[in-house]
């Protein structure tokens, strides 16, 4: 069996076998090669080649992740494949020119998750199939990890919105689409979790790997820091992504009102420290489970406490100036979403938010301004007015109060 774990630099995905499409496997420079081929006659050709260094998925691609058995047909006269509900009419005049296939379905989403794909070097489409547009468009949610799309020139029905993000040119037998942001450097991203959910560990790990995120597991005990220091060394996707872990001491004097911190149950103890865990150590750290924390029921206190770990004047790590984006992320986001696309570059007065799943992100400067505002007397007075209005319901409405207040200062964009 192919060892998927040894591939770090990316993945090449090919839909449909064509003679010669596997010839450059030895030149893939450590990239995983996945060939998706649902046609039994082509599968026999592939297996006769006795090539080992790739993954063969004997399924047909569909838009959504159904994982069920289906049939599809090949119209020899028109040289095109039809899925079950694509409108192919079979009658006495074309019966002998139609070939029937049976296969199980899969989706690009399922493949990316199953093989924990961090980067797609290229997606190649060789099958002239009626649902071609749906297949290509289905990777839009993973646009941030897709570099190139190759579409065989024999395929003439591709018209996808996602292709607007790519430059196109004709190269040999393919129309080549290269992502417009291919050469833009990946922003340096720091994430902290609003709420911890161990059941979403796989999705969180993949998101952090795709964006090479550093982690703030705020207000840890010294024993937890010892766990970080003892993490085994691991190979990074890129050598220049490796950094030294910064261990720093927390100072509650620069955080919000002292009674707010105590009320949240997250105030710092004498032996607590704040740690920013860089990538790739951040990936190994979340596997330990030591970051699992219980959030306060007062929404804005969680934001203050986590940002204090980053911006407290006595605890600010020396490499914090290199940060581009800071994200508050709730793993419950994955209950209804497959991945998170992060907009970049950003203005310093813009927040991207998802109120339902407590996702907030902006530039480091924008997050710092938010932190200062939440510590200010103006916000304190605002909160005290709201407590006086609805003291018994304050905890329930604290999230609404938070967003109402910051929406008057920042530009808010829903995601």
Protein backbone atom coordinates (compact mmCIF):
# COMPACT_ATOMS: atom_id res chain seq x y z
CA UNK A 1 0.00 0.00 0.00
CA UNK A 2 1.21 3.49 -0.87
CA UNK A 3 2.43 5.48 2.15
CA UNK A 4 0.43 8.72 1.84
CA UNK A 5 2.10 10.28 4.90
CA UNK A 6 5.45 10.68 3.12
CA UNK A 7 4.01 13.15 0.59
CA UNK A 8 4.26 16.72 1.86
CA UNK A 9 4.58 19.03 -1.16
CA UNK A 10 1.19 18.54 -2.79
CA UNK A 11 -0.99 16.31 -4.89
CA UNK A 12 -1.80 15.73 -8.56
CA UNK A 13 -5.35 14.53 -9.25
CA UNK A 14 -6.27 13.02 -12.62
CA UNK A 15 -9.86 12.21 -13.55
CA UNK A 16 -9.87 9.68 -16.35
CA UNK A 17 -7.00 7.60 -17.68
CA UNK A 18 -5.36 8.53 -20.97
CA UNK A 19 -2.33 6.67 -22.32
CA UNK A 20 0.78 8.44 -21.02
CA UNK A 21 -0.93 10.37 -18.21
CA UNK A 22 1.06 8.43 -15.59
CA UNK A 23 4.41 8.70 -17.38
CA UNK A 24 5.69 11.57 -15.21
CA UNK A 25 5.07 9.92 -11.83
CA UNK A 26 8.80 9.51 -11.26
CA UNK A 27 9.23 13.25 -11.93
CA UNK A 28 6.47 14.32 -9.49
CA UNK A 29 9.06 15.36 -6.88
CA UNK A 30 7.38 13.78 -3.90
CA UNK A 31 3.84 14.76 -4.92
CA UNK A 32 1.04 12.30 -4.37
CA UNK A 33 -0.64 11.18 -7.62
CA UNK A 34 -4.31 10.18 -7.47
CA UNK A 35 -5.99 8.70 -10.55
CA UNK A 36 -9.80 8.50 -10.50
CA UNK A 37 -11.07 6.04 -13.10
CA UNK A 38 -14.59 4.51 -13.06
CA UNK A 39 -14.46 2.64 -16.40
CA UNK A 40 -13.69 -1.06 -16.08
CA UNK A 41 -11.98 -1.34 -19.47
CA UNK A 42 -9.62 1.54 -18.61
CA UNK A 43 -8.98 0.07 -15.15
CA UNK A 44 -7.77 -3.13 -16.84
CA UNK A 45 -5.36 -1.06 -18.96
CA UNK A 46 -4.01 0.73 -15.88
CA UNK A 47 -3.44 -2.46 -13.92
CA UNK A 48 -1.58 -4.00 -16.86
CA UNK A 49 1.01 -1.18 -16.60
CA UNK A 50 2.13 -2.45 -13.17
CA UNK A 51 2.87 1.09 -11.95
CA UNK A 52 2.82 1.26 -8.14
CA UNK A 53 3.56 4.81 -6.99
CA UNK A 54 0.06 6.25 -7.27
CA UNK A 55 -3.45 5.79 -5.84
CA UNK A 56 -6.19 4.40 -8.07
CA UNK A 57 -9.77 5.28 -7.10
CA UNK A 58 -12.25 3.15 -9.06
CA UNK A 59 -15.20 5.51 -8.72
CA UNK A 60 -17.09 8.13 -10.69
CA UNK A 61 -17.04 11.75 -9.56
CA UNK A 62 -20.23 13.58 -8.62
CA UNK A 63 -20.88 17.03 -7.15
CA UNK A 64 -21.81 15.94 -3.63
CA UNK A 65 -20.52 13.22 -1.38
CA UNK A 66 -23.18 10.51 -1.90
CA UNK A 67 -21.00 7.35 -1.88
CA UNK A 68 -23.60 5.18 -3.60
CA UNK A 69 -23.64 2.83 -6.58
CA UNK A 70 -24.81 4.34 -9.86
CA UNK A 71 -24.80 3.73 -13.61
CA UNK A 72 -23.48 5.92 -16.41
CA UNK A 73 -23.41 5.51 -20.19
CA UNK A 74 -21.02 6.21 -23.03
CA UNK A 75 -22.46 7.49 -26.32
CA UNK A 76 -19.97 6.32 -28.95
CA UNK A 77 -21.38 8.57 -31.70
CA UNK A 78 -20.95 11.75 -29.68
CA UNK A 79 -17.93 10.57 -27.66
CA UNK A 80 -19.46 11.72 -24.37
CA UNK A 81 -20.44 10.08 -21.08
CA UNK A 82 -23.79 10.61 -19.37
CA UNK A 83 -24.64 10.19 -15.71
CA UNK A 84 -27.94 8.56 -14.76
CA UNK A 85 -30.00 11.77 -14.77
CA UNK A 86 -28.20 13.69 -17.53
CA UNK A 87 -31.00 13.28 -20.08
CA UNK A 88 -29.59 10.57 -22.37
CA UNK A 89 -32.44 8.95 -24.34
CA UNK A 90 -31.78 5.32 -25.30
CA UNK A 91 -33.94 3.91 -28.08
CA UNK A 92 -33.78 1.53 -31.02
CA UNK A 93 -31.78 3.93 -33.19
CA UNK A 94 -28.84 4.38 -30.81
CA UNK A 95 -29.08 1.28 -28.62
CA UNK A 96 -26.02 -0.44 -30.09
CA UNK A 97 -23.89 2.73 -29.80
CA UNK A 98 -24.44 3.08 -26.05
CA UNK A 99 -22.18 1.36 -23.53
CA UNK A 100 -23.31 0.96 -19.93
CA UNK A 101 -21.00 1.24 -16.90
CA UNK A 102 -21.63 0.72 -13.20
CA UNK A 103 -19.54 2.30 -10.44
CA UNK A 104 -19.67 3.77 -6.95
CA UNK A 105 -19.66 7.55 -6.58
CA UNK A 106 -17.27 9.84 -4.75
CA UNK A 107 -16.55 13.58 -4.72
CA UNK A 108 -13.57 15.90 -4.69
CA UNK A 109 -14.53 16.92 -1.16
CA UNK A 110 -14.38 13.33 0.04
CA UNK A 111 -11.00 12.70 -1.62
CA UNK A 112 -9.45 15.86 -0.14
CA UNK A 113 -10.62 14.90 3.34
CA UNK A 114 -9.79 11.19 3.09
CA UNK A 115 -6.20 11.80 1.99
CA UNK A 116 -5.75 15.02 4.04
CA UNK A 117 -4.65 16.92 0.92
CA UNK A 118 -2.92 20.19 1.83
CA UNK A 119 -2.21 21.43 -1.69
CA UNK A 120 -3.48 20.42 -5.14
CA UNK A 121 -0.72 21.04 -7.66
CA UNK A 122 -3.06 20.19 -10.54
CA UNK A 123 -6.49 18.78 -11.31
CA UNK A 124 -6.63 17.13 -14.74
CA UNK A 125 -9.94 16.28 -16.46
CA UNK A 126 -9.66 13.67 -19.22
CA UNK A 127 -13.23 12.33 -19.32
CA UNK A 128 -15.71 14.08 -21.59
CA UNK A 129 -18.61 13.61 -19.20
CA UNK A 130 -21.85 15.57 -18.99
CA UNK A 131 -21.39 16.61 -15.33
CA UNK A 132 -17.89 18.01 -16.04
CA UNK A 133 -18.90 21.53 -14.97
CA UNK A 134 -20.30 20.29 -11.65
CA UNK A 135 -17.09 18.40 -10.90
CA UNK A 136 -14.86 21.40 -11.60
CA UNK A 137 -17.12 23.79 -9.71
CA UNK A 138 -17.25 21.43 -6.72
CA UNK A 139 -13.64 22.32 -5.83
CA UNK A 140 -14.52 26.02 -5.41
CA UNK A 141 -14.59 25.64 -1.61
CA UNK A 142 -10.96 24.47 -1.86
CA UNK A 143 -9.91 27.22 -4.25
CA UNK A 144 -7.23 28.28 -1.75
CA UNK A 145 -5.27 25.02 -2.22
CA UNK A 146 -5.79 24.53 -5.98
CA UNK A 147 -2.99 25.76 -8.26
CA UNK A 148 -3.88 24.50 -11.76
CA UNK A 149 -6.68 22.89 -13.74
CA UNK A 150 -5.97 20.98 -16.96
CA UNK A 151 -8.96 20.26 -19.20
CA UNK A 152 -8.51 17.98 -22.19
CA UNK A 153 -9.21 19.84 -25.43
CA UNK A 154 -11.67 17.11 -26.46
CA UNK A 155 -13.98 18.35 -23.68
CA UNK A 156 -16.07 21.19 -25.01
CA UNK A 157 -18.75 21.84 -22.39
CA UNK A 158 -16.81 23.47 -19.56
CA UNK A 159 -18.18 26.80 -18.32
CA UNK A 160 -17.51 27.29 -14.61
CA UNK A 161 -17.48 30.35 -12.38
CA UNK A 162 -14.37 29.08 -10.59
CA UNK A 163 -12.36 29.44 -13.82
CA UNK A 164 -12.69 33.24 -13.52
CA UNK A 165 -9.96 33.01 -10.86
CA UNK A 166 -7.52 31.42 -13.32
CA UNK A 167 -5.43 32.48 -16.30
CA UNK A 168 -5.89 30.19 -19.32
CA UNK A 169 -3.74 29.11 -22.24
CA UNK A 170 -3.56 26.19 -24.67
CA UNK A 171 -0.77 23.73 -23.96
CA UNK A 172 -0.44 20.62 -26.15
CA UNK A 173 -3.65 18.60 -25.71
CA UNK A 174 -4.93 20.60 -22.72
CA UNK A 175 -6.48 23.95 -21.90
CA UNK A 176 -4.34 24.99 -18.91
CA UNK A 177 -5.80 27.17 -16.15
CA UNK A 178 -3.33 28.66 -13.66
CA UNK A 179 -4.57 30.34 -10.48
CA UNK A 180 -4.19 34.13 -10.50
CA UNK A 181 -2.95 34.08 -6.88
CA UNK A 182 -0.46 31.28 -7.43
CA UNK A 183 2.60 33.41 -6.71
CA UNK A 184 1.14 35.38 -3.80
CA UNK A 185 2.88 34.39 -0.59
CA UNK A 186 0.70 32.61 1.95
CA UNK A 187 -0.18 35.01 4.80
CA UNK A 188 1.12 34.20 8.28
CA UNK A 189 -1.98 33.20 10.22
CA UNK A 190 -2.53 32.74 13.95
CA UNK A 191 -5.63 30.90 15.17
CA UNK A 192 -7.28 30.53 18.55
CA UNK A 193 -10.35 28.43 19.24
CA UNK A 194 -13.48 29.98 20.67
CA UNK A 195 -14.77 26.57 21.67
CA UNK A 196 -12.96 23.24 21.72
CA UNK A 197 -14.36 20.13 20.05
CA UNK A 198 -12.25 17.02 19.90
CA UNK A 199 -14.65 15.33 17.47
CA UNK A 200 -13.65 17.83 14.76
CA UNK A 201 -9.93 17.24 15.20
CA UNK A 202 -9.42 15.86 11.68
CA UNK A 203 -11.07 18.84 9.96
CA UNK A 204 -9.26 21.35 12.18
CA UNK A 205 -5.91 19.70 11.54
CA UNK A 206 -6.42 19.77 7.77
CA UNK A 207 -7.43 23.46 7.80
CA UNK A 208 -4.36 24.38 9.84
CA UNK A 209 -2.12 22.35 7.54
CA UNK A 210 -3.54 23.98 4.40
CA UNK A 211 -2.91 27.49 5.75
CA UNK A 212 0.15 26.58 7.88
CA UNK A 213 -1.44 28.17 10.95
CA UNK A 214 0.21 28.92 14.26
CA UNK A 215 -1.91 28.27 17.36
CA UNK A 216 -2.72 30.11 20.59
CA UNK A 217 -3.83 27.55 23.22
CA UNK A 218 -4.34 30.41 25.69
CA UNK A 219 -3.47 30.39 29.42
CA UNK A 220 -1.81 27.01 29.86
CA UNK A 221 -0.33 25.50 32.97
CA UNK A 222 3.42 24.98 33.05
CA UNK A 223 2.85 21.23 32.78
CA UNK A 224 1.12 21.80 29.42
CA UNK A 225 4.04 23.93 28.23
CA UNK A 226 6.32 21.02 29.08
CA UNK A 227 4.21 18.91 26.72
CA UNK A 228 4.90 21.43 23.93
CA UNK A 229 8.63 21.43 24.63
CA UNK A 230 8.69 17.62 24.47
CA UNK A 231 6.84 17.35 21.15
CA UNK A 232 8.79 15.17 18.69
CA UNK A 233 10.52 16.89 15.80
CA UNK A 234 8.70 16.65 12.50
CA UNK A 235 9.38 17.63 8.91
CA UNK A 236 7.71 20.82 7.80
CA UNK A 237 6.10 21.22 4.39
CA UNK A 238 8.71 23.89 3.71
CA UNK A 239 11.97 24.33 5.58
CA UNK A 240 11.49 28.08 5.92
CA UNK A 241 8.13 27.53 7.66
CA UNK A 242 9.86 26.17 10.78
CA UNK A 243 10.18 28.54 13.73
CA UNK A 244 11.21 28.36 17.39
CA UNK A 245 8.35 28.08 19.87
CA UNK A 246 8.00 31.26 21.95
CA UNK A 247 7.11 30.75 25.61
CA UNK A 248 5.95 33.87 27.43
CA UNK A 249 4.50 34.91 30.77
CA UNK A 250 0.92 36.20 31.07
CA UNK A 251 0.20 39.56 32.72
CA UNK A 252 -3.46 40.05 33.61
CA UNK A 253 -2.94 43.75 34.30
CA UNK A 254 -3.37 44.63 30.59
CA UNK A 255 -6.53 42.61 30.09
CA UNK A 256 -10.16 43.52 30.69
CA UNK A 257 -11.69 44.41 34.04
CA UNK A 258 -10.50 42.01 36.73
CA UNK A 259 -14.00 41.04 37.78
CA UNK A 260 -14.83 40.14 34.15
CA UNK A 261 -11.87 37.78 33.97
CA UNK A 262 -12.77 36.06 37.24
CA UNK A 263 -16.38 35.77 36.16
CA UNK A 264 -15.32 33.95 33.00
CA UNK A 265 -13.34 31.34 34.92
CA UNK A 266 -10.40 31.91 32.58
CA UNK A 267 -8.29 34.31 34.64
CA UNK A 268 -4.58 33.65 34.81
CA UNK A 269 -3.05 31.84 37.75
CA UNK A 270 0.44 32.46 39.05
CA UNK A 271 1.78 29.37 37.32
CA UNK A 272 -0.02 30.00 34.02
CA UNK A 273 1.83 31.01 30.87
CA UNK A 274 0.70 32.05 27.41
CA UNK A 275 2.21 30.24 24.44
CA UNK A 276 2.12 30.81 20.71
CA UNK A 277 2.81 27.47 19.04
CA UNK A 278 4.19 27.95 15.49
CA UNK A 279 3.52 25.72 12.51
CA UNK A 280 4.18 22.77 12.21
CA UNK A 281 4.43 22.26 16.00
CA UNK A 282 0.84 23.57 16.19
CA UNK A 283 -0.38 20.46 14.34
CA UNK A 284 1.36 18.11 16.73
CA UNK A 285 0.11 20.10 19.70
CA UNK A 286 -3.63 19.89 18.94
CA UNK A 287 -3.22 16.11 18.70
CA UNK A 288 -2.29 16.09 22.42
CA UNK A 289 -5.72 17.41 23.45
CA UNK A 290 -4.19 19.84 25.96
CA UNK A 291 -5.87 22.83 24.29
CA UNK A 292 -9.42 21.71 25.21
CA UNK A 293 -10.90 24.64 27.16
CA UNK A 294 -14.39 25.56 28.38
CA UNK A 295 -15.52 28.98 27.12
CA UNK A 296 -17.21 31.63 29.21
CA UNK A 297 -20.97 32.08 28.80
CA UNK A 298 -20.36 35.79 28.37
CA UNK A 299 -19.34 35.98 24.74
CA UNK A 300 -16.97 38.95 24.63
CA UNK A 301 -14.94 37.69 27.61
CA UNK A 302 -13.62 34.83 25.49
CA UNK A 303 -12.47 37.30 22.84
CA UNK A 304 -10.75 39.50 25.45
CA UNK A 305 -9.02 36.61 27.19
CA UNK A 306 -7.68 35.07 24.00
CA UNK A 307 -6.51 38.37 22.52
CA UNK A 308 -4.79 39.14 25.84
CA UNK A 309 -2.64 36.06 25.25
CA UNK A 310 -1.47 37.61 22.00
CA UNK A 311 -1.30 41.34 22.70
CA UNK A 312 -0.47 41.74 26.39
CA UNK A 313 2.53 44.07 26.40
CA UNK A 314 4.59 41.83 28.69
CA UNK A 315 3.73 38.65 26.79
CA UNK A 316 3.98 39.74 23.17
CA UNK A 317 6.34 37.31 21.39
CA UNK A 318 9.25 38.69 19.41
CA UNK A 319 7.98 37.24 16.13
CA UNK A 320 4.43 38.65 16.46
CA UNK A 321 5.25 41.47 14.04
CA UNK A 322 5.36 38.84 11.29
CA UNK A 323 1.67 37.96 11.75
CA UNK A 324 -0.73 38.94 8.96
CA UNK A 325 -4.09 37.52 10.09
CA UNK A 326 -5.56 36.41 13.42
CA UNK A 327 -8.59 34.12 13.47
CA UNK A 328 -11.06 33.20 16.14
CA UNK A 329 -12.42 29.82 15.07
CA UNK A 330 -15.13 27.56 16.44
CA UNK A 331 -14.81 23.89 15.36
CA UNK A 332 -18.63 23.70 15.22
CA UNK A 333 -18.23 25.57 11.91
CA UNK A 334 -17.53 22.16 10.37
CA UNK A 335 -21.00 20.93 11.34
CA UNK A 336 -22.34 22.62 8.20
CA UNK A 337 -19.23 23.75 6.24
CA UNK A 338 -16.46 21.76 4.58
CA UNK A 339 -13.64 24.27 4.88
CA UNK A 340 -12.92 27.96 5.48
CA UNK A 341 -11.71 30.21 2.67
CA UNK A 342 -9.69 33.11 4.08
CA UNK A 343 -9.75 36.37 2.14
CA UNK A 344 -6.38 38.08 1.64
CA UNK A 345 -5.09 40.79 1.54
CA UNK A 346 -7.37 42.58 4.04
CA UNK A 347 -7.95 46.18 5.07
CA UNK A 348 -7.25 47.12 8.68
CA UNK A 349 -10.87 48.13 9.34
CA UNK A 350 -12.60 44.99 8.03
CA UNK A 351 -13.72 41.88 9.91
CA UNK A 352 -14.97 38.72 8.26
CA UNK A 353 -17.40 37.01 10.59
CA UNK A 354 -19.81 34.09 10.89
CA UNK A 355 -22.06 34.92 13.84
CA UNK A 356 -23.70 31.50 13.98
CA UNK A 357 -20.40 29.64 14.40
CA UNK A 358 -18.37 32.36 16.17
CA UNK A 359 -15.77 32.80 13.43
CA UNK A 360 -14.00 36.17 13.35
CA UNK A 361 -10.88 37.12 11.46
CA UNK A 362 -9.02 40.23 10.44
CA UNK A 363 -5.53 41.64 10.17
CA UNK A 364 -3.28 41.68 13.22
CA UNK A 365 -3.73 45.47 13.44
CA UNK A 366 -7.50 45.13 13.23
CA UNK A 367 -7.53 42.51 15.99
CA UNK A 368 -5.31 44.72 18.14
CA UNK A 369 -7.74 47.63 17.72
CA UNK A 370 -10.58 45.30 18.69
CA UNK A 371 -8.68 44.27 21.82
CA UNK A 372 -8.07 47.88 22.84
CA UNK A 373 -11.71 48.77 22.26
CA UNK A 374 -12.97 45.86 24.36
CA UNK A 375 -10.69 46.98 27.22
CA UNK A 376 -11.79 50.61 26.96
CA UNK A 377 -14.02 52.51 29.39
CA UNK A 378 -16.43 53.19 26.53
CA UNK A 379 -17.12 49.49 26.03
CA UNK A 380 -17.28 48.93 29.80
CA UNK A 381 -19.89 51.67 30.14
CA UNK A 382 -21.84 50.23 27.21
CA UNK A 383 -21.89 46.78 28.81
CA UNK A 384 -22.93 48.15 32.19
CA UNK A 385 -25.87 49.90 30.54
CA UNK A 386 -26.93 46.61 28.95
CA UNK A 387 -26.62 44.78 32.26
CA UNK A 388 -28.85 47.38 33.89
CA UNK A 389 -31.44 46.94 31.12
CA UNK A 390 -31.63 43.13 31.13
CA UNK A 391 -29.56 41.72 33.95
CA UNK A 392 -31.25 38.29 33.98
CA UNK A 393 -30.83 37.89 30.20
CA UNK A 394 -27.43 39.52 29.87
CA UNK A 395 -25.43 36.33 29.25
CA UNK A 396 -27.85 35.26 26.53
CA UNK A 397 -27.67 38.62 24.75
CA UNK A 398 -23.95 39.29 25.32
CA UNK A 399 -23.09 38.02 21.86
CA UNK A 400 -25.58 40.39 20.22
CA UNK A 401 -24.28 43.31 22.27
CA UNK A 402 -20.73 42.53 21.16
CA UNK A 403 -21.57 42.51 17.45
CA UNK A 404 -23.83 45.56 17.70
CA UNK A 405 -20.99 47.52 19.25
CA UNK A 406 -18.17 46.55 16.88
CA UNK A 407 -20.38 46.94 13.78
CA UNK A 408 -20.52 50.68 14.51
CA UNK A 409 -16.71 50.88 14.37
CA UNK A 410 -15.57 48.28 11.81
CA UNK A 411 -16.76 47.11 8.41
CA UNK A 412 -18.37 43.69 8.94
CA UNK A 413 -18.51 41.14 6.11
CA UNK A 414 -20.50 37.96 6.60
CA UNK A 415 -19.00 34.62 5.55
